[in-house]
Amino acid sequence: MWPFRRSTIEPLGRRGEKLAVRFVKRRGMKVLARNYRCPVGEADIIVLDKNTRHEQGGETIAFVEVKTRSSDRYTNPQAAVNADKRRRMRKIADYYLAMRNTDGFNVRFDIVAVVLTKETAPKITYIQDAF
């Protein structure tokens, strides 16, 4: 018998992404893709925000980066989205948009910061148009 068992605890990042998907759906957004992979990299969530139709004259495709931490004691999770990650997200967006008919859609980049502690309920911060 193998001496090691697989953990039944779901990884922190995966739990954060599930909470983020639920959060964006509650805000009226439609999830187009989760963990979208292309030759350039991976986008955690891609959503269609129909709520921008009146404000910006069209619907918006948002590329959402999810950052999950077990504590925000020293820094907030969104601080982990550095210049390199932002560049990569723009390239992923270019690739995604080039493969689809997206004329007339606005594009933006959002961040969902999730803090999961054992003592308190999950803390979710949504930063729209983060970069």
C-alpha atoms as a PDB file:
ATOM      1  CA  MET A   1       0.000   0.000   0.000  1.00  0.00           C
ATOM      2  CA  TRP A   2       1.248   3.459  -0.889  1.00  0.00           C
ATOM      3  CA  PRO A   3       2.163   5.343   2.305  1.00  0.00           C
ATOM      4  CA  PHE A   4       0.884   8.721   1.111  1.00  0.00           C
ATOM      5  CA  ARG A   5      -2.694   9.702   0.561  1.00  0.00           C
ATOM      6  CA  ARG A   6      -3.864  12.477  -1.625  1.00  0.00           C
ATOM      7  CA  SER A   7      -5.124  15.410   0.345  1.00  0.00           C
ATOM      8  CA  THR A   8      -8.877  15.871   0.441  1.00  0.00           C
ATOM      9  CA  ILE A   9      -8.406  19.584   1.045  1.00  0.00           C
ATOM     10  CA  GLU A  10      -8.899  21.650  -2.083  1.00  0.00           C
ATOM     11  CA  PRO A  11      -5.941  23.930  -2.938  1.00  0.00           C
ATOM     12  CA  LEU A  12      -6.246  27.533  -1.808  1.00  0.00           C
ATOM     13  CA  GLY A  13      -6.083  28.967  -5.331  1.00  0.00           C
ATOM     14  CA  ARG A  14      -8.839  26.717  -6.630  1.00  0.00           C
ATOM     15  CA  ARG A  15     -11.135  27.642  -3.727  1.00  0.00           C
ATOM     16  CA  GLY A  16     -10.474  31.314  -4.421  1.00  0.00           C
ATOM     17  CA  GLU A  17     -11.305  30.908  -8.109  1.00  0.00           C
ATOM     18  CA  LYS A  18     -14.593  29.168  -7.296  1.00  0.00           C
ATOM     19  CA  LEU A  19     -15.547  32.018  -4.965  1.00  0.00           C
ATOM     20  CA  ALA A  20     -14.541  34.571  -7.599  1.00  0.00           C
ATOM     21  CA  VAL A  21     -16.689  32.877 -10.264  1.00  0.00           C
ATOM     22  CA  ARG A  22     -19.670  32.870  -7.923  1.00  0.00           C
ATOM     23  CA  PHE A  23     -19.008  36.527  -7.101  1.00  0.00           C
ATOM     24  CA  VAL A  24     -18.908  37.711 -10.735  1.00  0.00           C
ATOM     25  CA  LYS A  25     -22.041  35.725 -11.578  1.00  0.00           C
ATOM     26  CA  ARG A  26     -23.879  37.440  -8.734  1.00  0.00           C
ATOM     27  CA  ARG A  27     -22.834  40.776 -10.234  1.00  0.00           C
ATOM     28  CA  GLY A  28     -24.652  39.814 -13.435  1.00  0.00           C
ATOM     29  CA  MET A  29     -21.647  38.817 -15.517  1.00  0.00           C
ATOM     30  CA  LYS A  30     -21.531  35.761 -17.758  1.00  0.00           C
ATOM     31  CA  VAL A  31     -18.479  33.519 -17.481  1.00  0.00           C
ATOM     32  CA  LEU A  32     -17.066  32.876 -20.961  1.00  0.00           C
ATOM     33  CA  ALA A  33     -14.050  30.835 -19.860  1.00  0.00           C
ATOM     34  CA  ARG A  34     -12.304  29.536 -16.765  1.00  0.00           C
ATOM     35  CA  ASN A  35      -8.593  28.798 -16.762  1.00  0.00           C
ATOM     36  CA  TYR A  36      -8.331  29.785 -20.428  1.00  0.00           C
ATOM     37  CA  ARG A  37      -5.001  28.517 -21.772  1.00  0.00           C
ATOM     38  CA  CYS A  38      -3.250  29.644 -24.914  1.00  0.00           C
ATOM     39  CA  PRO A  39       0.382  29.651 -26.110  1.00  0.00           C
ATOM     40  CA  VAL A  40       0.963  32.953 -24.292  1.00  0.00           C
ATOM     41  CA  GLY A  41      -0.306  31.882 -20.854  1.00  0.00           C
ATOM     42  CA  GLU A  42      -3.445  31.402 -18.793  1.00  0.00           C
ATOM     43  CA  ALA A  43      -6.300  33.700 -17.789  1.00  0.00           C
ATOM     44  CA  ASP A  44      -8.138  32.705 -14.619  1.00  0.00           C
ATOM     45  CA  ILE A  45     -11.584  33.928 -15.713  1.00  0.00           C
ATOM     46  CA  ILE A  46     -12.947  35.668 -18.797  1.00  0.00           C
ATOM     47  CA  VAL A  47     -16.365  37.274 -18.368  1.00  0.00           C
ATOM     48  CA  LEU A  48     -18.892  39.194 -20.409  1.00  0.00           C
ATOM     49  CA  ASP A  49     -20.165  42.259 -18.546  1.00  0.00           C
ATOM     50  CA  LYS A  50     -23.479  43.312 -20.051  1.00  0.00           C
ATOM     51  CA  ASN A  51     -23.910  46.002 -17.384  1.00  0.00           C
ATOM     52  CA  THR A  52     -21.603  48.340 -19.333  1.00  0.00           C
ATOM     53  CA  ARG A  53     -23.961  48.549 -22.282  1.00  0.00           C
ATOM     54  CA  HIS A  54     -25.497  51.857 -21.163  1.00  0.00           C
ATOM     55  CA  GLU A  55     -22.385  53.495 -19.717  1.00  0.00           C
ATOM     56  CA  GLN A  56     -19.854  52.609 -22.419  1.00  0.00           C
ATOM     57  CA  GLY A  57     -22.081  51.966 -25.415  1.00  0.00           C
ATOM     58  CA  GLY A  58     -21.352  48.259 -25.584  1.00  0.00           C
ATOM     59  CA  GLU A  59     -20.771  45.107 -23.628  1.00  0.00           C
ATOM     60  CA  THR A  60     -17.352  44.486 -22.111  1.00  0.00           C
ATOM     61  CA  ILE A  61     -15.153  41.419 -22.146  1.00  0.00           C
ATOM     62  CA  ALA A  62     -13.179  41.410 -18.907  1.00  0.00           C
ATOM     63  CA  PHE A  63     -10.082  39.345 -18.259  1.00  0.00           C
ATOM     64  CA  VAL A  64     -10.068  38.620 -14.546  1.00  0.00           C
ATOM     65  CA  GLU A  65      -6.989  37.689 -12.540  1.00  0.00           C
ATOM     66  CA  VAL A  66      -7.786  35.964  -9.238  1.00  0.00           C
ATOM     67  CA  LYS A  67      -5.318  36.233  -6.369  1.00  0.00           C
ATOM     68  CA  THR A  68      -6.018  34.209  -3.242  1.00  0.00           C
ATOM     69  CA  ARG A  69      -4.166  34.425   0.041  1.00  0.00           C
ATOM     70  CA  SER A  70      -4.680  32.908   3.471  1.00  0.00           C
ATOM     71  CA  SER A  71      -3.952  36.270   5.103  1.00  0.00           C
ATOM     72  CA  ASP A  72      -3.672  39.920   4.172  1.00  0.00           C
ATOM     73  CA  ARG A  73      -1.592  40.744   7.213  1.00  0.00           C
ATOM     74  CA  TYR A  74       1.530  41.854   5.334  1.00  0.00           C
ATOM     75  CA  THR A  75       0.196  42.735   1.893  1.00  0.00           C
ATOM     76  CA  ASN A  76      -3.021  42.542  -0.050  1.00  0.00           C
ATOM     77  CA  PRO A  77      -3.429  39.840  -2.714  1.00  0.00           C
ATOM     78  CA  GLN A  78      -3.804  42.276  -5.617  1.00  0.00           C
ATOM     79  CA  ALA A  79      -0.248  43.510  -5.011  1.00  0.00           C
ATOM     80  CA  ALA A  80       0.908  40.210  -6.564  1.00  0.00           C
ATOM     81  CA  VAL A  81      -0.275  41.382 -10.013  1.00  0.00           C
ATOM     82  CA  ASN A  82       3.014  42.940 -11.094  1.00  0.00           C
ATOM     83  CA  ALA A  83       4.046  44.539 -14.396  1.00  0.00           C
ATOM     84  CA  ASP A  84       5.081  41.189 -15.874  1.00  0.00           C
ATOM     85  CA  LYS A  85       1.686  39.636 -15.095  1.00  0.00           C
ATOM     86  CA  ARG A  86      -0.126  42.654 -16.561  1.00  0.00           C
ATOM     87  CA  ARG A  87       1.917  42.364 -19.791  1.00  0.00           C
ATOM     88  CA  ARG A  88       1.148  38.667 -20.015  1.00  0.00           C
ATOM     89  CA  MET A  89      -2.570  39.284 -19.436  1.00  0.00           C
ATOM     90  CA  ARG A  90      -2.634  41.808 -22.292  1.00  0.00           C
ATOM     91  CA  LYS A  91      -1.007  39.259 -24.611  1.00  0.00           C
ATOM     92  CA  ILE A  92      -3.509  36.594 -23.536  1.00  0.00           C
ATOM     93  CA  ALA A  93      -6.338  39.042 -24.242  1.00  0.00           C
ATOM     94  CA  ASP A  94      -4.925  39.850 -27.679  1.00  0.00           C
ATOM     95  CA  TYR A  95      -4.759  36.141 -28.490  1.00  0.00           C
ATOM     96  CA  TYR A  96      -8.294  35.446 -27.196  1.00  0.00           C
ATOM     97  CA  LEU A  97      -9.794  38.403 -29.062  1.00  0.00           C
ATOM     98  CA  ALA A  98      -7.970  37.562 -32.309  1.00  0.00           C
ATOM     99  CA  MET A  99      -9.526  34.080 -32.330  1.00  0.00           C
ATOM    100  CA  ARG A 100     -13.097  35.415 -32.006  1.00  0.00           C
ATOM    101  CA  ASN A 101     -15.365  37.988 -33.577  1.00  0.00           C
ATOM    102  CA  THR A 102     -15.208  40.644 -30.861  1.00  0.00           C
ATOM    103  CA  ASP A 103     -15.863  43.808 -32.858  1.00  0.00           C
ATOM    104  CA  GLY A 104     -17.921  46.275 -30.844  1.00  0.00           C
ATOM    105  CA  PHE A 105     -16.899  44.904 -27.442  1.00  0.00           C
ATOM    106  CA  ASN A 106     -14.984  46.911 -24.893  1.00  0.00           C
ATOM    107  CA  VAL A 107     -12.076  45.205 -23.116  1.00  0.00           C
ATOM    108  CA  ARG A 108     -10.855  45.620 -19.564  1.00  0.00           C
ATOM    109  CA  PHE A 109      -8.689  43.885 -16.990  1.00  0.00           C
ATOM    110  CA  ASP A 110     -10.024  43.205 -13.493  1.00  0.00           C
ATOM    111  CA  ILE A 111      -8.630  41.649 -10.332  1.00  0.00           C
ATOM    112  CA  VAL A 112     -10.477  39.621  -7.721  1.00  0.00           C
ATOM    113  CA  ALA A 113      -8.574  39.488  -4.443  1.00  0.00           C
ATOM    114  CA  VAL A 114      -9.721  36.714  -2.103  1.00  0.00           C
ATOM    115  CA  VAL A 115      -8.568  36.321   1.494  1.00  0.00           C
ATOM    116  CA  LEU A 116      -9.472  32.971   3.047  1.00  0.00           C
ATOM    117  CA  THR A 117      -8.782  32.702   6.752  1.00  0.00           C
ATOM    118  CA  LYS A 118      -9.850  29.931   9.082  1.00  0.00           C
ATOM    119  CA  GLU A 119     -11.345  32.367  11.574  1.00  0.00           C
ATOM    120  CA  THR A 120     -13.508  34.585   9.370  1.00  0.00           C
ATOM    121  CA  ALA A 121     -15.712  34.466   6.313  1.00  0.00           C
ATOM    122  CA  PRO A 122     -13.988  34.910   2.934  1.00  0.00           C
ATOM    123  CA  LYS A 123     -13.120  38.508   2.104  1.00  0.00           C
ATOM    124  CA  ILE A 124     -13.549  39.291  -1.603  1.00  0.00           C
ATOM    125  CA  THR A 125     -12.418  42.538  -3.200  1.00  0.00           C
ATOM    126  CA  TYR A 126     -13.294  43.209  -6.841  1.00  0.00           C
ATOM    127  CA  ILE A 127     -11.138  45.767  -8.615  1.00  0.00           C
ATOM    128  CA  GLN A 128     -12.719  46.732 -11.898  1.00  0.00           C
ATOM    129  CA  ASP A 129     -10.481  48.145 -14.642  1.00  0.00           C
ATOM    130  CA  ALA A 130      -7.412  47.458 -12.497  1.00  0.00           C
ATOM    131  CA  PHE A 131      -4.919  48.062 -15.302  1.00  0.00           C
END
